[in-house]
Amino acid sequence: MTHPSADRERQIIDVLMALCEGEVTTYGDVAEVAGHPRQARLVGRILATTDVDVPWWRVVNASGRLVAGDPILQAQLLREEGVEVSDGRVRNAPSGRFSRTARRPGP
């Protein structure tokens, strides 16, 4: 497995570090915001290999499923930030993709 370029890694880490408490997003969204659309696996690889202390628990798959190396710890950390987690999935979050407010249709 090759290591991602330092520039791409820094861009992705910058996006991860900008996530706020209670904000839950997806691997694909992080890649998109970092300027690397359709590179969700790259985000996962960086999360798995970086030495930077990033808020990894705030990143889930597109359906809200917890897929990190330790889903029990991930669920605990998310709950501590006010995120609703059940059956291994994010059900509601204070902000981000899984916020019920963010998913409501406009007026």
N, C-alpha and C. Protein backbone atom coordinates (compact mmCIF):
# COMPACT_ATOMS: atom_id res chain seq x y z
N MET A 1 0.85 -1.17 0.00
CA MET A 1 0.00 0.00 0.00
C MET A 1 0.90 1.24 0.00
N THR A 2 0.59 2.16 -0.91
CA THR A 2 1.38 3.39 -0.96
C THR A 2 0.82 4.41 0.01
N HIS A 3 1.68 5.28 0.47
CA HIS A 3 1.26 6.32 1.40
C HIS A 3 0.78 7.53 0.59
N PRO A 4 -0.32 8.15 1.01
CA PRO A 4 -0.82 9.30 0.27
C PRO A 4 0.20 10.44 0.28
N SER A 5 0.15 11.26 -0.76
CA SER A 5 1.09 12.38 -0.82
C SER A 5 0.92 13.27 0.40
N ALA A 6 1.99 13.93 0.77
CA ALA A 6 1.95 14.80 1.95
C ALA A 6 0.93 15.93 1.77
N ASP A 7 0.81 16.47 0.57
CA ASP A 7 -0.15 17.56 0.33
C ASP A 7 -1.59 17.07 0.52
N ARG A 8 -1.91 15.94 -0.08
CA ARG A 8 -3.28 15.42 0.06
C ARG A 8 -3.56 15.07 1.51
N GLU A 9 -2.61 14.48 2.18
CA GLU A 9 -2.80 14.13 3.58
C GLU A 9 -3.04 15.39 4.41
N ARG A 10 -2.25 16.43 4.20
CA ARG A 10 -2.41 17.68 4.96
C ARG A 10 -3.78 18.30 4.69
N GLN A 11 -4.24 18.28 3.45
CA GLN A 11 -5.55 18.85 3.11
C GLN A 11 -6.67 18.10 3.83
N ILE A 12 -6.57 16.80 3.87
CA ILE A 12 -7.59 15.98 4.53
C ILE A 12 -7.52 16.17 6.04
N ILE A 13 -6.34 16.20 6.60
CA ILE A 13 -6.20 16.42 8.04
C ILE A 13 -6.74 17.79 8.43
N ASP A 14 -6.52 18.79 7.59
CA ASP A 14 -7.06 20.12 7.87
C ASP A 14 -8.59 20.09 7.96
N VAL A 15 -9.23 19.37 7.06
CA VAL A 15 -10.69 19.24 7.10
C VAL A 15 -11.12 18.51 8.37
N LEU A 16 -10.44 17.44 8.71
CA LEU A 16 -10.78 16.68 9.92
C LEU A 16 -10.63 17.54 11.17
N MET A 17 -9.57 18.33 11.23
CA MET A 17 -9.32 19.16 12.41
C MET A 17 -10.34 20.29 12.54
N ALA A 18 -11.00 20.63 11.45
CA ALA A 18 -12.01 21.69 11.48
C ALA A 18 -13.37 21.19 11.96
N LEU A 19 -13.53 19.88 12.11
CA LEU A 19 -14.81 19.34 12.60
C LEU A 19 -15.04 19.77 14.04
N CYS A 20 -16.25 20.21 14.32
CA CYS A 20 -16.60 20.69 15.66
C CYS A 20 -17.17 19.55 16.51
N GLU A 21 -17.18 19.75 17.80
CA GLU A 21 -17.78 18.79 18.71
C GLU A 21 -19.24 18.55 18.31
N GLY A 22 -19.64 17.29 18.20
CA GLY A 22 -21.00 16.94 17.84
C GLY A 22 -21.28 16.95 16.34
N GLU A 23 -20.29 17.31 15.55
CA GLU A 23 -20.44 17.32 14.09
C GLU A 23 -20.01 15.96 13.55
N VAL A 24 -20.89 15.34 12.78
CA VAL A 24 -20.59 14.03 12.21
C VAL A 24 -20.66 14.15 10.69
N THR A 25 -19.67 13.61 10.02
CA THR A 25 -19.61 13.68 8.57
C THR A 25 -19.20 12.32 8.02
N THR A 26 -19.05 12.24 6.71
CA THR A 26 -18.68 10.98 6.07
C THR A 26 -17.27 11.06 5.48
N TYR A 27 -16.73 9.90 5.20
CA TYR A 27 -15.42 9.83 4.55
C TYR A 27 -15.48 10.58 3.22
N GLY A 28 -16.54 10.37 2.46
CA GLY A 28 -16.70 11.02 1.16
C GLY A 28 -16.81 12.53 1.27
N ASP A 29 -17.54 13.01 2.28
CA ASP A 29 -17.67 14.45 2.47
C ASP A 29 -16.33 15.09 2.81
N VAL A 30 -15.55 14.42 3.65
CA VAL A 30 -14.22 14.94 4.00
C VAL A 30 -13.37 15.04 2.74
N ALA A 31 -13.39 14.00 1.93
CA ALA A 31 -12.61 14.00 0.68
C ALA A 31 -13.06 15.14 -0.23
N GLU A 32 -14.36 15.31 -0.37
CA GLU A 32 -14.91 16.37 -1.23
C GLU A 32 -14.46 17.76 -0.76
N VAL A 33 -14.62 18.03 0.52
CA VAL A 33 -14.25 19.34 1.07
C VAL A 33 -12.75 19.58 0.93
N ALA A 34 -11.96 18.52 1.05
CA ALA A 34 -10.51 18.64 0.94
C ALA A 34 -10.04 18.82 -0.51
N GLY A 35 -10.98 18.71 -1.46
CA GLY A 35 -10.61 18.87 -2.86
C GLY A 35 -10.26 17.58 -3.57
N HIS A 36 -10.68 16.46 -2.99
CA HIS A 36 -10.38 15.15 -3.57
C HIS A 36 -11.67 14.33 -3.68
N PRO A 37 -12.60 14.78 -4.52
CA PRO A 37 -13.88 14.08 -4.63
C PRO A 37 -13.69 12.60 -4.99
N ARG A 38 -14.59 11.80 -4.46
CA ARG A 38 -14.61 10.36 -4.72
C ARG A 38 -13.36 9.65 -4.20
N GLN A 39 -12.76 10.21 -3.16
CA GLN A 39 -11.56 9.60 -2.56
C GLN A 39 -11.81 9.22 -1.10
N ALA A 40 -13.01 8.69 -0.83
CA ALA A 40 -13.37 8.32 0.55
C ALA A 40 -12.37 7.31 1.14
N ARG A 41 -11.92 6.39 0.34
CA ARG A 41 -10.97 5.39 0.84
C ARG A 41 -9.65 6.02 1.26
N LEU A 42 -9.27 7.07 0.55
CA LEU A 42 -8.06 7.79 0.92
C LEU A 42 -8.21 8.38 2.32
N VAL A 43 -9.38 8.94 2.61
CA VAL A 43 -9.64 9.49 3.94
C VAL A 43 -9.52 8.38 4.98
N GLY A 44 -10.12 7.23 4.71
CA GLY A 44 -10.02 6.10 5.64
C GLY A 44 -8.59 5.66 5.86
N ARG A 45 -7.81 5.64 4.79
CA ARG A 45 -6.41 5.23 4.91
C ARG A 45 -5.63 6.23 5.76
N ILE A 46 -5.88 7.51 5.54
CA ILE A 46 -5.19 8.53 6.33
C ILE A 46 -5.60 8.43 7.79
N LEU A 47 -6.88 8.26 8.06
CA LEU A 47 -7.33 8.11 9.45
C LEU A 47 -6.66 6.91 10.12
N ALA A 48 -6.45 5.86 9.37
CA ALA A 48 -5.87 4.64 9.93
C ALA A 48 -4.35 4.74 10.14
N THR A 49 -3.70 5.65 9.42
CA THR A 49 -2.23 5.66 9.45
C THR A 49 -1.59 6.92 10.00
N THR A 50 -2.34 8.00 10.14
CA THR A 50 -1.72 9.26 10.55
C THR A 50 -1.29 9.24 12.02
N ASP A 51 -0.23 9.97 12.29
CA ASP A 51 0.22 10.14 13.67
C ASP A 51 -0.41 11.38 14.30
N VAL A 52 -1.14 12.15 13.50
CA VAL A 52 -1.80 13.36 13.99
C VAL A 52 -3.04 12.94 14.79
N ASP A 53 -3.26 13.59 15.91
CA ASP A 53 -4.39 13.28 16.77
C ASP A 53 -5.65 13.95 16.22
N VAL A 54 -6.31 13.30 15.26
CA VAL A 54 -7.50 13.84 14.60
C VAL A 54 -8.77 13.28 15.26
N PRO A 55 -9.88 14.00 15.15
CA PRO A 55 -11.14 13.51 15.73
C PRO A 55 -11.78 12.44 14.83
N TRP A 56 -11.16 11.29 14.75
CA TRP A 56 -11.57 10.19 13.87
C TRP A 56 -12.99 9.72 14.12
N TRP A 57 -13.44 9.83 15.37
CA TRP A 57 -14.76 9.30 15.73
C TRP A 57 -15.89 10.08 15.08
N ARG A 58 -15.62 11.25 14.54
CA ARG A 58 -16.66 12.08 13.91
C ARG A 58 -16.88 11.73 12.44
N VAL A 59 -16.20 10.70 11.95
CA VAL A 59 -16.31 10.30 10.55
C VAL A 59 -16.91 8.90 10.48
N VAL A 60 -18.00 8.78 9.69
CA VAL A 60 -18.70 7.50 9.53
C VAL A 60 -18.93 7.27 8.04
N ASN A 61 -19.49 6.12 7.69
CA ASN A 61 -19.75 5.89 6.27
C ASN A 61 -21.02 6.64 5.84
N ALA A 62 -21.32 6.59 4.57
CA ALA A 62 -22.41 7.41 4.00
C ALA A 62 -23.78 7.10 4.60
N SER A 63 -23.97 5.91 5.12
CA SER A 63 -25.27 5.57 5.72
C SER A 63 -25.29 5.83 7.23
N GLY A 64 -24.20 6.40 7.75
CA GLY A 64 -24.13 6.70 9.18
C GLY A 64 -23.57 5.59 10.02
N ARG A 65 -23.13 4.54 9.38
CA ARG A 65 -22.61 3.37 10.10
C ARG A 65 -21.21 3.62 10.66
N LEU A 66 -21.00 3.17 11.88
CA LEU A 66 -19.69 3.27 12.52
C LEU A 66 -18.80 2.18 11.94
N VAL A 67 -17.70 2.55 11.34
CA VAL A 67 -16.84 1.56 10.70
C VAL A 67 -15.38 1.67 11.12
N ALA A 68 -15.11 2.51 12.11
CA ALA A 68 -13.72 2.66 12.58
C ALA A 68 -13.25 1.37 13.23
N GLY A 69 -11.97 1.32 13.55
CA GLY A 69 -11.39 0.13 14.16
C GLY A 69 -12.03 -0.28 15.47
N ASP A 70 -12.60 0.67 16.21
CA ASP A 70 -13.22 0.38 17.50
C ASP A 70 -14.59 1.05 17.56
N PRO A 71 -15.61 0.43 16.96
CA PRO A 71 -16.94 1.06 16.91
C PRO A 71 -17.57 1.28 18.29
N ILE A 72 -17.21 0.50 19.28
CA ILE A 72 -17.76 0.71 20.63
C ILE A 72 -17.20 2.01 21.21
N LEU A 73 -15.90 2.21 21.08
CA LEU A 73 -15.29 3.46 21.53
C LEU A 73 -15.82 4.64 20.71
N GLN A 74 -15.97 4.44 19.40
CA GLN A 74 -16.48 5.50 18.54
C GLN A 74 -17.88 5.92 18.99
N ALA A 75 -18.74 4.96 19.27
CA ALA A 75 -20.10 5.27 19.73
C ALA A 75 -20.06 6.03 21.05
N GLN A 76 -19.20 5.60 21.95
CA GLN A 76 -19.08 6.27 23.26
C GLN A 76 -18.63 7.73 23.09
N LEU A 77 -17.62 7.95 22.27
CA LEU A 77 -17.12 9.31 22.05
C LEU A 77 -18.18 10.19 21.39
N LEU A 78 -18.92 9.63 20.45
CA LEU A 78 -19.98 10.39 19.80
C LEU A 78 -21.09 10.73 20.78
N ARG A 79 -21.49 9.77 21.59
CA ARG A 79 -22.55 10.02 22.59
C ARG A 79 -22.13 11.12 23.57
N GLU A 80 -20.86 11.14 23.94
CA GLU A 80 -20.36 12.19 24.84
C GLU A 80 -20.49 13.58 24.22
N GLU A 81 -20.60 13.64 22.89
CA GLU A 81 -20.75 14.91 22.18
C GLU A 81 -22.22 15.18 21.81
N GLY A 82 -23.14 14.37 22.35
CA GLY A 82 -24.55 14.60 22.11
C GLY A 82 -25.11 13.95 20.85
N VAL A 83 -24.37 13.03 20.28
CA VAL A 83 -24.80 12.33 19.06
C VAL A 83 -25.61 11.10 19.45
N GLU A 84 -26.76 10.91 18.79
CA GLU A 84 -27.57 9.71 19.02
C GLU A 84 -27.03 8.59 18.15
N VAL A 85 -26.66 7.49 18.80
CA VAL A 85 -26.14 6.31 18.11
C VAL A 85 -26.93 5.11 18.57
N SER A 86 -27.42 4.31 17.63
CA SER A 86 -28.06 3.04 17.99
C SER A 86 -27.82 2.04 16.87
N ASP A 87 -27.71 0.78 17.25
CA ASP A 87 -27.46 -0.30 16.30
C ASP A 87 -26.28 -0.01 15.37
N GLY A 88 -25.24 0.62 15.92
CA GLY A 88 -24.04 0.86 15.13
C GLY A 88 -24.15 1.95 14.10
N ARG A 89 -25.18 2.81 14.23
CA ARG A 89 -25.39 3.89 13.27
C ARG A 89 -25.67 5.21 13.99
N VAL A 90 -25.25 6.29 13.35
CA VAL A 90 -25.60 7.63 13.83
C VAL A 90 -27.03 7.89 13.41
N ARG A 91 -27.88 8.22 14.39
CA ARG A 91 -29.29 8.50 14.11
C ARG A 91 -29.58 10.00 14.07
N ASN A 92 -28.84 10.76 14.86
CA ASN A 92 -29.00 12.21 14.89
C ASN A 92 -27.73 12.79 15.50
N ALA A 93 -27.33 13.96 15.00
CA ALA A 93 -26.15 14.64 15.52
C ALA A 93 -26.48 16.12 15.68
N PRO A 94 -25.82 16.78 16.63
CA PRO A 94 -26.06 18.21 16.80
C PRO A 94 -25.79 19.02 15.53
N SER A 95 -24.78 18.60 14.73
CA SER A 95 -24.51 19.30 13.47
C SER A 95 -23.88 18.33 12.48
N GLY A 96 -23.81 18.79 11.23
CA GLY A 96 -23.21 17.96 10.18
C GLY A 96 -24.27 17.21 9.40
N ARG A 97 -23.83 16.30 8.59
CA ARG A 97 -24.68 15.56 7.68
C ARG A 97 -25.82 14.84 8.39
N PHE A 98 -25.60 14.38 9.60
CA PHE A 98 -26.59 13.56 10.28
C PHE A 98 -27.45 14.34 11.27
N SER A 99 -27.42 15.65 11.16
CA SER A 99 -28.29 16.49 11.98
C SER A 99 -29.69 16.47 11.37
N ARG A 100 -30.69 16.22 12.18
CA ARG A 100 -32.06 16.23 11.66
C ARG A 100 -32.40 17.59 11.07
N THR A 101 -31.86 18.65 11.66
CA THR A 101 -32.10 19.99 11.14
C THR A 101 -31.53 20.13 9.73
N ALA A 102 -30.35 19.57 9.51
CA ALA A 102 -29.71 19.66 8.19
C ALA A 102 -30.47 18.89 7.14
N ARG A 103 -31.23 17.86 7.54
CA ARG A 103 -31.94 17.03 6.58
C ARG A 103 -33.36 17.49 6.33
N ARG A 104 -33.84 18.48 7.08
CA ARG A 104 -35.20 18.95 6.89
C ARG A 104 -35.33 19.71 5.59
N PRO A 105 -36.42 19.48 4.86
CA PRO A 105 -36.63 20.26 3.63
C PRO A 105 -36.91 21.71 3.98
N GLY A 106 -36.51 22.59 3.11
CA GLY A 106 -36.71 24.03 3.32
C GLY A 106 -38.17 24.43 3.20
N PRO A 107 -38.46 25.69 3.51
CA PRO A 107 -39.86 26.17 3.47
C PRO A 107 -40.43 26.17 2.07
